[in-house]
Amino acid sequence: MKVRKLVSIDDLDFEKGGGLIPVVVQDHESLRVLTLAYVNREALEKTVKTGYAHFFRRSFGRIMKKGETSGNVQRIIEILVDCDADAILYLVEPAGPACHLGEETCFHNRLKNNAGD
């Protein structure tokens, strides 16, 4: 993949999402989507500074390091910004499951459809 330009935190549009930006988290080797989370500016700054994923946990109303309680941290390999600068992608090296239920990915449930599920 060709990186087109470098983007700073100041270039990101936090206002569009009410101060939060969605983050897609992918395993850097398998490219499997692990989770969708949110960051505010401070959480992203902590991620960049420490090299480990930090998120703004809406259910707790605070910033938390991924794996803070479980030990299942996500080491940042690369952070990519979308073309509108209002969403980001963390490519990570996970240390254990991403899901708080113990699943490898948070996306382990399938939506029923009306065609026989």
PDB file of N, CA and C in Angstrom:
ATOM      1  N   MET A   1       0.846  -1.169   0.000  1.00  0.00           N
ATOM      2  CA  MET A   1       0.000   0.000   0.000  1.00  0.00           C
ATOM      3  C   MET A   1       0.897   1.239   0.000  1.00  0.00           C
ATOM      4  N   LYS A   2       0.552   2.175  -0.810  1.00  0.00           N
ATOM      5  CA  LYS A   2       1.307   3.414  -0.914  1.00  0.00           C
ATOM      6  C   LYS A   2       0.712   4.465   0.017  1.00  0.00           C
ATOM      7  N   VAL A   3       1.547   4.996   0.919  1.00  0.00           N
ATOM      8  CA  VAL A   3       1.109   6.072   1.796  1.00  0.00           C
ATOM      9  C   VAL A   3       1.212   7.371   1.016  1.00  0.00           C
ATOM     10  N   ARG A   4       0.128   8.107   0.939  1.00  0.00           N
ATOM     11  CA  ARG A   4       0.081   9.311   0.116  1.00  0.00           C
ATOM     12  C   ARG A   4       0.587  10.549   0.840  1.00  0.00           C
ATOM     13  N   LYS A   5       0.266  10.685   2.125  1.00  0.00           N
ATOM     14  CA  LYS A   5       0.771  11.845   2.859  1.00  0.00           C
ATOM     15  C   LYS A   5       0.751  11.550   4.349  1.00  0.00           C
ATOM     16  N   LEU A   6       1.540  12.301   5.081  1.00  0.00           N
ATOM     17  CA  LEU A   6       1.559  12.188   6.530  1.00  0.00           C
ATOM     18  C   LEU A   6       0.557  13.184   7.106  1.00  0.00           C
ATOM     19  N   VAL A   7      -0.209  12.730   8.096  1.00  0.00           N
ATOM     20  CA  VAL A   7      -1.259  13.529   8.702  1.00  0.00           C
ATOM     21  C   VAL A   7      -0.937  13.687  10.183  1.00  0.00           C
ATOM     22  N   SER A   8      -1.113  14.875  10.720  1.00  0.00           N
ATOM     23  CA  SER A   8      -0.878  15.091  12.152  1.00  0.00           C
ATOM     24  C   SER A   8      -2.201  14.989  12.909  1.00  0.00           C
ATOM     25  N   ILE A   9      -2.102  14.848  14.207  1.00  0.00           N
ATOM     26  CA  ILE A   9      -3.310  14.802  15.049  1.00  0.00           C
ATOM     27  C   ILE A   9      -4.121  16.081  14.866  1.00  0.00           C
ATOM     28  N   ASP A  10      -3.441  17.194  14.651  1.00  0.00           N
ATOM     29  CA  ASP A  10      -4.146  18.469  14.444  1.00  0.00           C
ATOM     30  C   ASP A  10      -4.999  18.473  13.176  1.00  0.00           C
ATOM     31  N   ASP A  11      -4.690  17.600  12.227  1.00  0.00           N
ATOM     32  CA  ASP A  11      -5.443  17.528  10.971  1.00  0.00           C
ATOM     33  C   ASP A  11      -6.738  16.723  11.102  1.00  0.00           C
ATOM     34  N   LEU A  12      -6.896  15.977  12.196  1.00  0.00           N
ATOM     35  CA  LEU A  12      -8.060  15.106  12.351  1.00  0.00           C
ATOM     36  C   LEU A  12      -9.299  15.892  12.749  1.00  0.00           C
ATOM     37  N   ASP A  13     -10.452  15.431  12.266  1.00  0.00           N
ATOM     38  CA  ASP A  13     -11.727  16.113  12.503  1.00  0.00           C
ATOM     39  C   ASP A  13     -12.469  15.459  13.667  1.00  0.00           C
ATOM     40  N   PHE A  14     -12.084  15.834  14.890  1.00  0.00           N
ATOM     41  CA  PHE A  14     -12.743  15.305  16.082  1.00  0.00           C
ATOM     42  C   PHE A  14     -14.142  15.884  16.252  1.00  0.00           C
ATOM     43  N   GLU A  15     -14.376  17.066  15.725  1.00  0.00           N
ATOM     44  CA  GLU A  15     -15.661  17.745  15.932  1.00  0.00           C
ATOM     45  C   GLU A  15     -16.820  17.040  15.236  1.00  0.00           C
ATOM     46  N   LYS A  16     -16.561  16.437  14.086  1.00  0.00           N
ATOM     47  CA  LYS A  16     -17.627  15.770  13.336  1.00  0.00           C
ATOM     48  C   LYS A  16     -18.315  14.691  14.175  1.00  0.00           C
ATOM     49  N   GLY A  17     -17.548  14.022  15.019  1.00  0.00           N
ATOM     50  CA  GLY A  17     -18.089  12.949  15.853  1.00  0.00           C
ATOM     51  C   GLY A  17     -18.306  13.353  17.296  1.00  0.00           C
ATOM     52  N   GLY A  18     -18.475  14.645  17.535  1.00  0.00           N
ATOM     53  CA  GLY A  18     -18.712  15.099  18.899  1.00  0.00           C
ATOM     54  C   GLY A  18     -17.510  14.919  19.804  1.00  0.00           C
ATOM     55  N   GLY A  19     -16.322  15.006  19.238  1.00  0.00           N
ATOM     56  CA  GLY A  19     -15.092  14.871  20.020  1.00  0.00           C
ATOM     57  C   GLY A  19     -14.472  13.494  19.935  1.00  0.00           C
ATOM     58  N   LEU A  20     -15.162  12.563  19.275  1.00  0.00           N
ATOM     59  CA  LEU A  20     -14.666  11.188  19.141  1.00  0.00           C
ATOM     60  C   LEU A  20     -14.471  10.824  17.677  1.00  0.00           C
ATOM     61  N   ILE A  21     -13.479   9.993  17.431  1.00  0.00           N
ATOM     62  CA  ILE A  21     -13.219   9.461  16.093  1.00  0.00           C
ATOM     63  C   ILE A  21     -13.289   7.940  16.185  1.00  0.00           C
ATOM     64  N   PRO A  22     -14.010   7.285  15.260  1.00  0.00           N
ATOM     65  CA  PRO A  22     -14.030   5.820  15.265  1.00  0.00           C
ATOM     66  C   PRO A  22     -12.679   5.254  14.824  1.00  0.00           C
ATOM     67  N   VAL A  23     -12.318   4.134  15.462  1.00  0.00           N
ATOM     68  CA  VAL A  23     -11.067   3.444  15.163  1.00  0.00           C
ATOM     69  C   VAL A  23     -11.375   1.993  14.813  1.00  0.00           C
ATOM     70  N   VAL A  24     -11.022   1.590  13.618  1.00  0.00           N
ATOM     71  CA  VAL A  24     -11.077   0.184  13.236  1.00  0.00           C
ATOM     72  C   VAL A  24      -9.738  -0.414  13.656  1.00  0.00           C
ATOM     73  N   VAL A  25      -9.786  -1.548  14.338  1.00  0.00           N
ATOM     74  CA  VAL A  25      -8.562  -2.193  14.797  1.00  0.00           C
ATOM     75  C   VAL A  25      -8.405  -3.513  14.048  1.00  0.00           C
ATOM     76  N   GLN A  26      -7.253  -3.658  13.387  1.00  0.00           N
ATOM     77  CA  GLN A  26      -6.969  -4.865  12.616  1.00  0.00           C
ATOM     78  C   GLN A  26      -5.678  -5.507  13.091  1.00  0.00           C
ATOM     79  N   ASP A  27      -5.647  -6.828  13.057  1.00  0.00           N
ATOM     80  CA  ASP A  27      -4.408  -7.569  13.273  1.00  0.00           C
ATOM     81  C   ASP A  27      -3.498  -7.272  12.086  1.00  0.00           C
ATOM     82  N   HIS A  28      -2.288  -6.829  12.342  1.00  0.00           N
ATOM     83  CA  HIS A  28      -1.399  -6.412  11.259  1.00  0.00           C
ATOM     84  C   HIS A  28      -0.950  -7.572  10.380  1.00  0.00           C
ATOM     85  N   GLU A  29      -0.979  -8.806  10.891  1.00  0.00           N
ATOM     86  CA  GLU A  29      -0.563  -9.955  10.076  1.00  0.00           C
ATOM     87  C   GLU A  29      -1.717 -10.534   9.258  1.00  0.00           C
ATOM     88  N   SER A  30      -2.827 -10.854   9.927  1.00  0.00           N
ATOM     89  CA  SER A  30      -3.950 -11.500   9.241  1.00  0.00           C
ATOM     90  C   SER A  30      -4.887 -10.491   8.586  1.00  0.00           C
ATOM     91  N   LEU A  31      -4.814  -9.242   8.995  1.00  0.00           N
ATOM     92  CA  LEU A  31      -5.717  -8.162   8.577  1.00  0.00           C
ATOM     93  C   LEU A  31      -7.162  -8.406   9.016  1.00  0.00           C
ATOM     94  N   ARG A  32      -7.347  -9.343   9.926  1.00  0.00           N
ATOM     95  CA  ARG A  32      -8.682  -9.596  10.478  1.00  0.00           C
ATOM     96  C   ARG A  32      -9.093  -8.400  11.334  1.00  0.00           C
ATOM     97  N   VAL A  33     -10.324  -7.948  11.151  1.00  0.00           N
ATOM     98  CA  VAL A  33     -10.839  -6.847  11.964  1.00  0.00           C
ATOM     99  C   VAL A  33     -11.089  -7.381  13.374  1.00  0.00           C
ATOM    100  N   LEU A  34     -10.492  -6.718  14.353  1.00  0.00           N
ATOM    101  CA  LEU A  34     -10.610  -7.160  15.738  1.00  0.00           C
ATOM    102  C   LEU A  34     -11.721  -6.444  16.486  1.00  0.00           C
ATOM    103  N   THR A  35     -11.845  -5.149  16.272  1.00  0.00           N
ATOM    104  CA  THR A  35     -12.867  -4.392  16.985  1.00  0.00           C
ATOM    105  C   THR A  35     -13.061  -3.032  16.337  1.00  0.00           C
ATOM    106  N   LEU A  36     -14.100  -2.362  16.764  1.00  0.00           N
ATOM    107  CA  LEU A  36     -14.338  -0.962  16.431  1.00  0.00           C
ATOM    108  C   LEU A  36     -14.425  -0.243  17.762  1.00  0.00           C
ATOM    109  N   ALA A  37     -13.659   0.822  17.904  1.00  0.00           N
ATOM    110  CA  ALA A  37     -13.638   1.577  19.148  1.00  0.00           C
ATOM    111  C   ALA A  37     -13.609   3.064  18.802  1.00  0.00           C
ATOM    112  N   TYR A  38     -13.430   3.890  19.825  1.00  0.00           N
ATOM    113  CA  TYR A  38     -13.408   5.340  19.631  1.00  0.00           C
ATOM    114  C   TYR A  38     -12.245   5.947  20.394  1.00  0.00           C
ATOM    115  N   VAL A  39     -11.721   7.032  19.842  1.00  0.00           N
ATOM    116  CA  VAL A  39     -10.694   7.802  20.542  1.00  0.00           C
ATOM    117  C   VAL A  39     -11.097   9.267  20.575  1.00  0.00           C
ATOM    118  N   ASN A  40     -10.725   9.926  21.662  1.00  0.00           N
ATOM    119  CA  ASN A  40     -10.727  11.376  21.661  1.00  0.00           C
ATOM    120  C   ASN A  40      -9.263  11.784  21.447  1.00  0.00           C
ATOM    121  N   ARG A  41      -9.001  13.045  21.407  1.00  0.00           N
ATOM    122  CA  ARG A  41      -7.639  13.507  21.135  1.00  0.00           C
ATOM    123  C   ARG A  41      -6.642  12.956  22.162  1.00  0.00           C
ATOM    124  N   GLU A  42      -7.015  12.996  23.438  1.00  0.00           N
ATOM    125  CA  GLU A  42      -6.105  12.540  24.486  1.00  0.00           C
ATOM    126  C   GLU A  42      -5.789  11.047  24.360  1.00  0.00           C
ATOM    127  N   ALA A  43      -6.792  10.229  24.052  1.00  0.00           N
ATOM    128  CA  ALA A  43      -6.566   8.791  23.892  1.00  0.00           C
ATOM    129  C   ALA A  43      -5.624   8.518  22.723  1.00  0.00           C
ATOM    130  N   LEU A  44      -5.800   9.257  21.630  1.00  0.00           N
ATOM    131  CA  LEU A  44      -4.922   9.079  20.482  1.00  0.00           C
ATOM    132  C   LEU A  44      -3.500   9.524  20.817  1.00  0.00           C
ATOM    133  N   GLU A  45      -3.377  10.618  21.535  1.00  0.00           N
ATOM    134  CA  GLU A  45      -2.045  11.084  21.941  1.00  0.00           C
ATOM    135  C   GLU A  45      -1.349  10.054  22.831  1.00  0.00           C
ATOM    136  N   LYS A  46      -2.092   9.420  23.744  1.00  0.00           N
ATOM    137  CA  LYS A  46      -1.519   8.373  24.596  1.00  0.00           C
ATOM    138  C   LYS A  46      -1.104   7.169  23.768  1.00  0.00           C
ATOM    139  N   THR A  47      -1.907   6.834  22.768  1.00  0.00           N
ATOM    140  CA  THR A  47      -1.572   5.721  21.887  1.00  0.00           C
ATOM    141  C   THR A  47      -0.264   5.992  21.165  1.00  0.00           C
ATOM    142  N   VAL A  48      -0.143   7.171  20.597  1.00  0.00           N
ATOM    143  CA  VAL A  48       1.067   7.541  19.861  1.00  0.00           C
ATOM    144  C   VAL A  48       2.283   7.556  20.794  1.00  0.00           C
ATOM    145  N   LYS A  49       2.101   8.112  21.982  1.00  0.00           N
ATOM    146  CA  LYS A  49       3.215   8.246  22.932  1.00  0.00           C
ATOM    147  C   LYS A  49       3.707   6.894  23.458  1.00  0.00           C
ATOM    148  N   THR A  50       2.770   5.997  23.779  1.00  0.00           N
ATOM    149  CA  THR A  50       3.140   4.727  24.418  1.00  0.00           C
ATOM    150  C   THR A  50       3.368   3.582  23.436  1.00  0.00           C
ATOM    151  N   GLY A  51       2.762   3.679  22.245  1.00  0.00           N
ATOM    152  CA  GLY A  51       2.856   2.572  21.297  1.00  0.00           C
ATOM    153  C   GLY A  51       1.850   1.463  21.555  1.00  0.00           C
ATOM    154  N   TYR A  52       0.903   1.708  22.459  1.00  0.00           N
ATOM    155  CA  TYR A  52      -0.148   0.746  22.765  1.00  0.00           C
ATOM    156  C   TYR A  52      -1.514   1.409  22.631  1.00  0.00           C
ATOM    157  N   ALA A  53      -2.492   0.635  22.165  1.00  0.00           N
ATOM    158  CA  ALA A  53      -3.822   1.159  21.895  1.00  0.00           C
ATOM    159  C   ALA A  53      -4.500   1.655  23.170  1.00  0.00           C
ATOM    160  N   HIS A  54      -4.981   2.884  23.091  1.00  0.00           N
ATOM    161  CA  HIS A  54      -5.820   3.497  24.120  1.00  0.00           C
ATOM    162  C   HIS A  54      -7.107   3.937  23.439  1.00  0.00           C
ATOM    163  N   PHE A  55      -8.216   3.810  24.146  1.00  0.00           N
ATOM    164  CA  PHE A  55      -9.507   4.186  23.593  1.00  0.00           C
ATOM    165  C   PHE A  55     -10.280   5.017  24.596  1.00  0.00           C
ATOM    166  N   PHE A  56     -11.235   5.795  24.089  1.00  0.00           N
ATOM    167  CA  PHE A  56     -12.195   6.446  24.970  1.00  0.00           C
ATOM    168  C   PHE A  56     -13.355   5.476  25.102  1.00  0.00           C
ATOM    169  N   ARG A  57     -13.498   4.889  26.268  1.00  0.00           N
ATOM    170  CA  ARG A  57     -14.559   3.915  26.507  1.00  0.00           C
ATOM    171  C   ARG A  57     -15.828   4.655  26.873  1.00  0.00           C
ATOM    172  N   ARG A  58     -16.769   4.687  25.937  1.00  0.00           N
ATOM    173  CA  ARG A  58     -18.006   5.430  26.145  1.00  0.00           C
ATOM    174  C   ARG A  58     -18.797   4.900  27.330  1.00  0.00           C
ATOM    175  N   SER A  59     -18.767   3.586  27.541  1.00  0.00           N
ATOM    176  CA  SER A  59     -19.529   3.003  28.645  1.00  0.00           C
ATOM    177  C   SER A  59     -18.950   3.371  30.012  1.00  0.00           C
ATOM    178  N   PHE A  60     -17.665   3.696  30.066  1.00  0.00           N
ATOM    179  CA  PHE A  60     -17.023   4.095  31.323  1.00  0.00           C
ATOM    180  C   PHE A  60     -16.819   5.602  31.395  1.00  0.00           C
ATOM    181  N   GLY A  61     -16.944   6.284  30.258  1.00  0.00           N
ATOM    182  CA  GLY A  61     -16.751   7.722  30.212  1.00  0.00           C
ATOM    183  C   GLY A  61     -15.317   8.162  30.467  1.00  0.00           C
ATOM    184  N   ARG A  62     -14.358   7.290  30.079  1.00  0.00           N
ATOM    185  CA  ARG A  62     -12.962   7.625  30.314  1.00  0.00           C
ATOM    186  C   ARG A  62     -12.040   6.905  29.337  1.00  0.00           C
ATOM    187  N   ILE A  63     -10.796   7.349  29.328  1.00  0.00           N
ATOM    188  CA  ILE A  63      -9.773   6.725  28.490  1.00  0.00           C
ATOM    189  C   ILE A  63      -9.244   5.493  29.203  1.00  0.00           C
ATOM    190  N   MET A  64      -9.091   4.418  28.427  1.00  0.00           N
ATOM    191  CA  MET A  64      -8.530   3.189  28.982  1.00  0.00           C
ATOM    192  C   MET A  64      -7.547   2.595  27.984  1.00  0.00           C
ATOM    193  N   LYS A  65      -6.467   2.048  28.497  1.00  0.00           N
ATOM    194  CA  LYS A  65      -5.531   1.292  27.668  1.00  0.00           C
ATOM    195  C   LYS A  65      -6.173  -0.055  27.375  1.00  0.00           C
ATOM    196  N   LYS A  66      -6.154  -0.479  26.130  1.00  0.00           N
ATOM    197  CA  LYS A  66      -6.679  -1.801  25.783  1.00  0.00           C
ATOM    198  C   LYS A  66      -5.860  -2.837  26.535  1.00  0.00           C
ATOM    199  N   GLY A  67      -6.537  -3.701  27.254  1.00  0.00           N
ATOM    200  CA  GLY A  67      -5.862  -4.744  28.022  1.00  0.00           C
ATOM    201  C   GLY A  67      -5.499  -4.322  29.424  1.00  0.00           C
ATOM    202  N   GLU A  68      -5.940  -3.154  29.822  1.00  0.00           N
ATOM    203  CA  GLU A  68      -5.634  -2.616  31.157  1.00  0.00           C
ATOM    204  C   GLU A  68      -6.051  -3.586  32.265  1.00  0.00           C
ATOM    205  N   THR A  69      -7.170  -4.260  32.083  1.00  0.00           N
ATOM    206  CA  THR A  69      -7.615  -5.218  33.103  1.00  0.00           C
ATOM    207  C   THR A  69      -7.373  -6.663  32.683  1.00  0.00           C
ATOM    208  N   SER A  70      -7.445  -6.966  31.388  1.00  0.00           N
ATOM    209  CA  SER A  70      -7.310  -8.345  30.908  1.00  0.00           C
ATOM    210  C   SER A  70      -5.876  -8.743  30.594  1.00  0.00           C
ATOM    211  N   GLY A  71      -5.023  -7.765  30.325  1.00  0.00           N
ATOM    212  CA  GLY A  71      -3.659  -8.064  29.872  1.00  0.00           C
ATOM    213  C   GLY A  71      -3.565  -8.258  28.371  1.00  0.00           C
ATOM    214  N   ASN A  72      -4.699  -8.203  27.677  1.00  0.00           N
ATOM    215  CA  ASN A  72      -4.727  -8.409  26.226  1.00  0.00           C
ATOM    216  C   ASN A  72      -4.464  -7.093  25.496  1.00  0.00           C
ATOM    217  N   VAL A  73      -3.237  -6.623  25.621  1.00  0.00           N
ATOM    218  CA  VAL A  73      -2.872  -5.345  25.027  1.00  0.00           C
ATOM    219  C   VAL A  73      -2.755  -5.455  23.508  1.00  0.00           C
ATOM    220  N   GLN A  74      -2.753  -4.305  22.859  1.00  0.00           N
ATOM    221  CA  GLN A  74      -2.590  -4.234  21.403  1.00  0.00           C
ATOM    222  C   GLN A  74      -1.459  -3.259  21.110  1.00  0.00           C
ATOM    223  N   ARG A  75      -0.325  -3.823  20.664  1.00  0.00           N
ATOM    224  CA  ARG A  75       0.825  -2.987  20.327  1.00  0.00           C
ATOM    225  C   ARG A  75       0.619  -2.406  18.939  1.00  0.00           C
ATOM    226  N   ILE A  76       0.796  -1.105  18.827  1.00  0.00           N
ATOM    227  CA  ILE A  76       0.580  -0.409  17.561  1.00  0.00           C
ATOM    228  C   ILE A  76       1.729  -0.691  16.596  1.00  0.00           C
ATOM    229  N   ILE A  77       1.375  -1.100  15.395  1.00  0.00           N
ATOM    230  CA  ILE A  77       2.346  -1.261  14.318  1.00  0.00           C
ATOM    231  C   ILE A  77       2.302  -0.036  13.419  1.00  0.00           C
ATOM    232  N   GLU A  78       1.079   0.407  13.105  1.00  0.00           N
ATOM    233  CA  GLU A  78       0.909   1.567  12.236  1.00  0.00           C
ATOM    234  C   GLU A  78      -0.472   2.158  12.472  1.00  0.00           C
ATOM    235  N   ILE A  79      -0.582   3.466  12.286  1.00  0.00           N
ATOM    236  CA  ILE A  79      -1.876   4.144  12.363  1.00  0.00           C
ATOM    237  C   ILE A  79      -2.117   4.820  11.024  1.00  0.00           C
ATOM    238  N   LEU A  80      -3.253   4.509  10.409  1.00  0.00           N
ATOM    239  CA  LEU A  80      -3.625   5.084   9.119  1.00  0.00           C
ATOM    240  C   LEU A  80      -4.867   5.947   9.300  1.00  0.00           C
ATOM    241  N   VAL A  81      -4.949   7.000   8.525  1.00  0.00           N
ATOM    242  CA  VAL A  81      -6.057   7.958   8.598  1.00  0.00           C
ATOM    243  C   VAL A  81      -6.841   7.890   7.296  1.00  0.00           C
ATOM    244  N   ASP A  82      -8.172   7.914   7.393  1.00  0.00           N
ATOM    245  CA  ASP A  82      -8.983   7.879   6.176  1.00  0.00           C
ATOM    246  C   ASP A  82      -8.918   9.213   5.439  1.00  0.00           C
ATOM    247  N   CYS A  83      -9.454   9.225   4.222  1.00  0.00           N
ATOM    248  CA  CYS A  83      -9.343  10.379   3.330  1.00  0.00           C
ATOM    249  C   CYS A  83     -10.040  11.631   3.854  1.00  0.00           C
ATOM    250  N   ASP A  84     -11.053  11.475   4.723  1.00  0.00           N
ATOM    251  CA  ASP A  84     -11.758  12.632   5.291  1.00  0.00           C
ATOM    252  C   ASP A  84     -11.200  13.068   6.638  1.00  0.00           C
ATOM    253  N   ALA A  85     -10.184  12.364   7.116  1.00  0.00           N
ATOM    254  CA  ALA A  85      -9.548  12.640   8.412  1.00  0.00           C
ATOM    255  C   ALA A  85     -10.547  12.588   9.573  1.00  0.00           C
ATOM    256  N   ASP A  86     -11.550  11.670   9.452  1.00  0.00           N
ATOM    257  CA  ASP A  86     -12.522  11.526  10.536  1.00  0.00           C
ATOM    258  C   ASP A  86     -12.696  10.084  10.998  1.00  0.00           C
ATOM    259  N   ALA A  87     -11.781   9.221  10.582  1.00  0.00           N
ATOM    260  CA  ALA A  87     -11.741   7.832  11.047  1.00  0.00           C
ATOM    261  C   ALA A  87     -10.301   7.356  10.923  1.00  0.00           C
ATOM    262  N   ILE A  88      -9.920   6.435  11.812  1.00  0.00           N
ATOM    263  CA  ILE A  88      -8.556   5.919  11.744  1.00  0.00           C
ATOM    264  C   ILE A  88      -8.545   4.402  11.844  1.00  0.00           C
ATOM    265  N   LEU A  89      -7.423   3.847  11.475  1.00  0.00           N
ATOM    266  CA  LEU A  89      -7.199   2.405  11.491  1.00  0.00           C
ATOM    267  C   LEU A  89      -5.945   2.141  12.297  1.00  0.00           C
ATOM    268  N   TYR A  90      -6.067   1.288  13.315  1.00  0.00           N
ATOM    269  CA  TYR A  90      -4.893   0.821  14.047  1.00  0.00           C
ATOM    270  C   TYR A  90      -4.546  -0.557  13.494  1.00  0.00           C
ATOM    271  N   LEU A  91      -3.348  -0.699  13.000  1.00  0.00           N
ATOM    272  CA  LEU A  91      -2.804  -2.014  12.687  1.00  0.00           C
ATOM    273  C   LEU A  91      -2.004  -2.425  13.911  1.00  0.00           C
ATOM    274  N   VAL A  92      -2.376  -3.547  14.525  1.00  0.00           N
ATOM    275  CA  VAL A  92      -1.826  -3.905  15.823  1.00  0.00           C
ATOM    276  C   VAL A  92      -1.268  -5.319  15.845  1.00  0.00           C
ATOM    277  N   GLU A  93      -0.432  -5.535  16.845  1.00  0.00           N
ATOM    278  CA  GLU A  93      -0.005  -6.875  17.213  1.00  0.00           C
ATOM    279  C   GLU A  93      -0.731  -7.185  18.521  1.00  0.00           C
ATOM    280  N   PRO A  94      -1.764  -8.036  18.468  1.00  0.00           N
ATOM    281  CA  PRO A  94      -2.537  -8.307  19.676  1.00  0.00           C
ATOM    282  C   PRO A  94      -1.844  -9.318  20.582  1.00  0.00           C
ATOM    283  N   ALA A  95      -1.996  -9.124  21.877  1.00  0.00           N
ATOM    284  CA  ALA A  95      -1.503 -10.084  22.870  1.00  0.00           C
ATOM    285  C   ALA A  95      -2.743 -10.713  23.515  1.00  0.00           C
ATOM    286  N   GLY A  96      -3.370 -11.616  22.805  1.00  0.00           N
ATOM    287  CA  GLY A  96      -4.579 -12.248  23.316  1.00  0.00           C
ATOM    288  C   GLY A  96      -5.806 -11.770  22.583  1.00  0.00           C
ATOM    289  N   PRO A  97      -6.966 -12.276  22.993  1.00  0.00           N
ATOM    290  CA  PRO A  97      -8.224 -11.930  22.331  1.00  0.00           C
ATOM    291  C   PRO A  97      -8.548 -10.444  22.423  1.00  0.00           C
ATOM    292  N   ALA A  98      -9.220  -9.934  21.408  1.00  0.00           N
ATOM    293  CA  ALA A  98      -9.630  -8.530  21.395  1.00  0.00           C
ATOM    294  C   ALA A  98     -10.934  -8.325  22.161  1.00  0.00           C
ATOM    295  N   CYS A  99     -11.800  -9.315  22.130  1.00  0.00           N
ATOM    296  CA  CYS A  99     -13.143  -9.180  22.709  1.00  0.00           C
ATOM    297  C   CYS A  99     -13.127  -9.443  24.213  1.00  0.00           C
ATOM    298  N   HIS A 100     -13.920  -8.663  24.942  1.00  0.00           N
ATOM    299  CA  HIS A 100     -14.009  -8.856  26.391  1.00  0.00           C
ATOM    300  C   HIS A 100     -14.684 -10.182  26.758  1.00  0.00           C
ATOM    301  N   LEU A 101     -15.303 -10.854  25.768  1.00  0.00           N
ATOM    302  CA  LEU A 101     -15.916 -12.164  26.000  1.00  0.00           C
ATOM    303  C   LEU A 101     -14.935 -13.307  25.748  1.00  0.00           C
ATOM    304  N   GLY A 102     -13.683 -12.957  25.409  1.00  0.00           N
ATOM    305  CA  GLY A 102     -12.660 -13.977  25.181  1.00  0.00           C
ATOM    306  C   GLY A 102     -12.526 -14.419  23.741  1.00  0.00           C
ATOM    307  N   GLU A 103     -13.298 -13.832  22.839  1.00  0.00           N
ATOM    308  CA  GLU A 103     -13.219 -14.170  21.422  1.00  0.00           C
ATOM    309  C   GLU A 103     -12.060 -13.408  20.773  1.00  0.00           C
ATOM    310  N   GLU A 104     -11.505 -13.980  19.716  1.00  0.00           N
ATOM    311  CA  GLU A 104     -10.391 -13.342  19.013  1.00  0.00           C
ATOM    312  C   GLU A 104     -10.776 -11.965  18.478  1.00  0.00           C
ATOM    313  N   THR A 105     -12.005 -11.857  17.983  1.00  0.00           N
ATOM    314  CA  THR A 105     -12.522 -10.617  17.427  1.00  0.00           C
ATOM    315  C   THR A 105     -13.869 -10.300  18.064  1.00  0.00           C
ATOM    316  N   CYS A 106     -14.199  -9.032  18.135  1.00  0.00           N
ATOM    317  CA  CYS A 106     -15.524  -8.653  18.645  1.00  0.00           C
ATOM    318  C   CYS A 106     -16.616  -8.998  17.641  1.00  0.00           C
ATOM    319  N   PHE A 107     -16.225  -9.218  16.390  1.00  0.00           N
ATOM    320  CA  PHE A 107     -17.186  -9.513  15.336  1.00  0.00           C
ATOM    321  C   PHE A 107     -17.322 -11.023  15.160  1.00  0.00           C
ATOM    322  N   HIS A 108     -17.952 -11.666  16.142  1.00  0.00           N
ATOM    323  CA  HIS A 108     -18.122 -13.118  16.097  1.00  0.00           C
ATOM    324  C   HIS A 108     -19.592 -13.535  16.051  1.00  0.00           C
ATOM    325  N   ASN A 109     -20.490 -12.576  15.948  1.00  0.00           N
ATOM    326  CA  ASN A 109     -21.921 -12.856  15.823  1.00  0.00           C
ATOM    327  C   ASN A 109     -22.386 -12.465  14.426  1.00  0.00           C
ATOM    328  N   ARG A 110     -23.312 -13.231  13.892  1.00  0.00           N
ATOM    329  CA  ARG A 110     -23.843 -12.934  12.563  1.00  0.00           C
ATOM    330  C   ARG A 110     -25.268 -12.423  12.684  1.00  0.00           C
ATOM    331  N   LEU A 111     -25.589 -11.406  11.923  1.00  0.00           N
ATOM    332  CA  LEU A 111     -26.922 -10.852  11.893  1.00  0.00           C
ATOM    333  C   LEU A 111     -27.863 -11.817  11.181  1.00  0.00           C
ATOM    334  N   LYS A 112     -28.969 -12.097  11.799  1.00  0.00           N
ATOM    335  CA  LYS A 112     -29.985 -12.947  11.134  1.00  0.00           C
ATOM    336  C   LYS A 112     -30.501 -12.235   9.902  1.00  0.00           C
ATOM    337  N   ASN A 113     -30.811 -13.048   8.901  1.00  0.00           N
ATOM    338  CA  ASN A 113     -31.492 -12.473   7.739  1.00  0.00           C
ATOM    339  C   ASN A 113     -32.860 -13.134   7.634  1.00  0.00           C
ATOM    340  N   ASN A 114     -33.681 -12.643   6.771  1.00  0.00           N
ATOM    341  CA  ASN A 114     -35.036 -13.181   6.666  1.00  0.00           C
ATOM    342  C   ASN A 114     -35.139 -14.337   5.698  1.00  0.00           C
ATOM    343  N   ALA A 115     -33.993 -14.840   5.243  1.00  0.00           N
ATOM    344  CA  ALA A 115     -34.005 -15.919   4.236  1.00  0.00           C
ATOM    345  C   ALA A 115     -33.745 -17.274   4.863  1.00  0.00           C
ATOM    346  N   GLY A 116     -34.113 -17.454   6.128  1.00  0.00           N
ATOM    347  CA  GLY A 116     -34.005 -18.780   6.692  1.00  0.00           C
ATOM    348  C   GLY A 116     -33.095 -18.914   7.897  1.00  0.00           C
ATOM    349  N   ASP A 117     -32.482 -17.852   8.351  1.00  0.00           N
ATOM    350  CA  ASP A 117     -31.654 -17.958   9.561  1.00  0.00           C
ATOM    351  C   ASP A 117     -32.543 -18.156  10.772  1.00  0.00           C
TER     352      ASP A 117
END
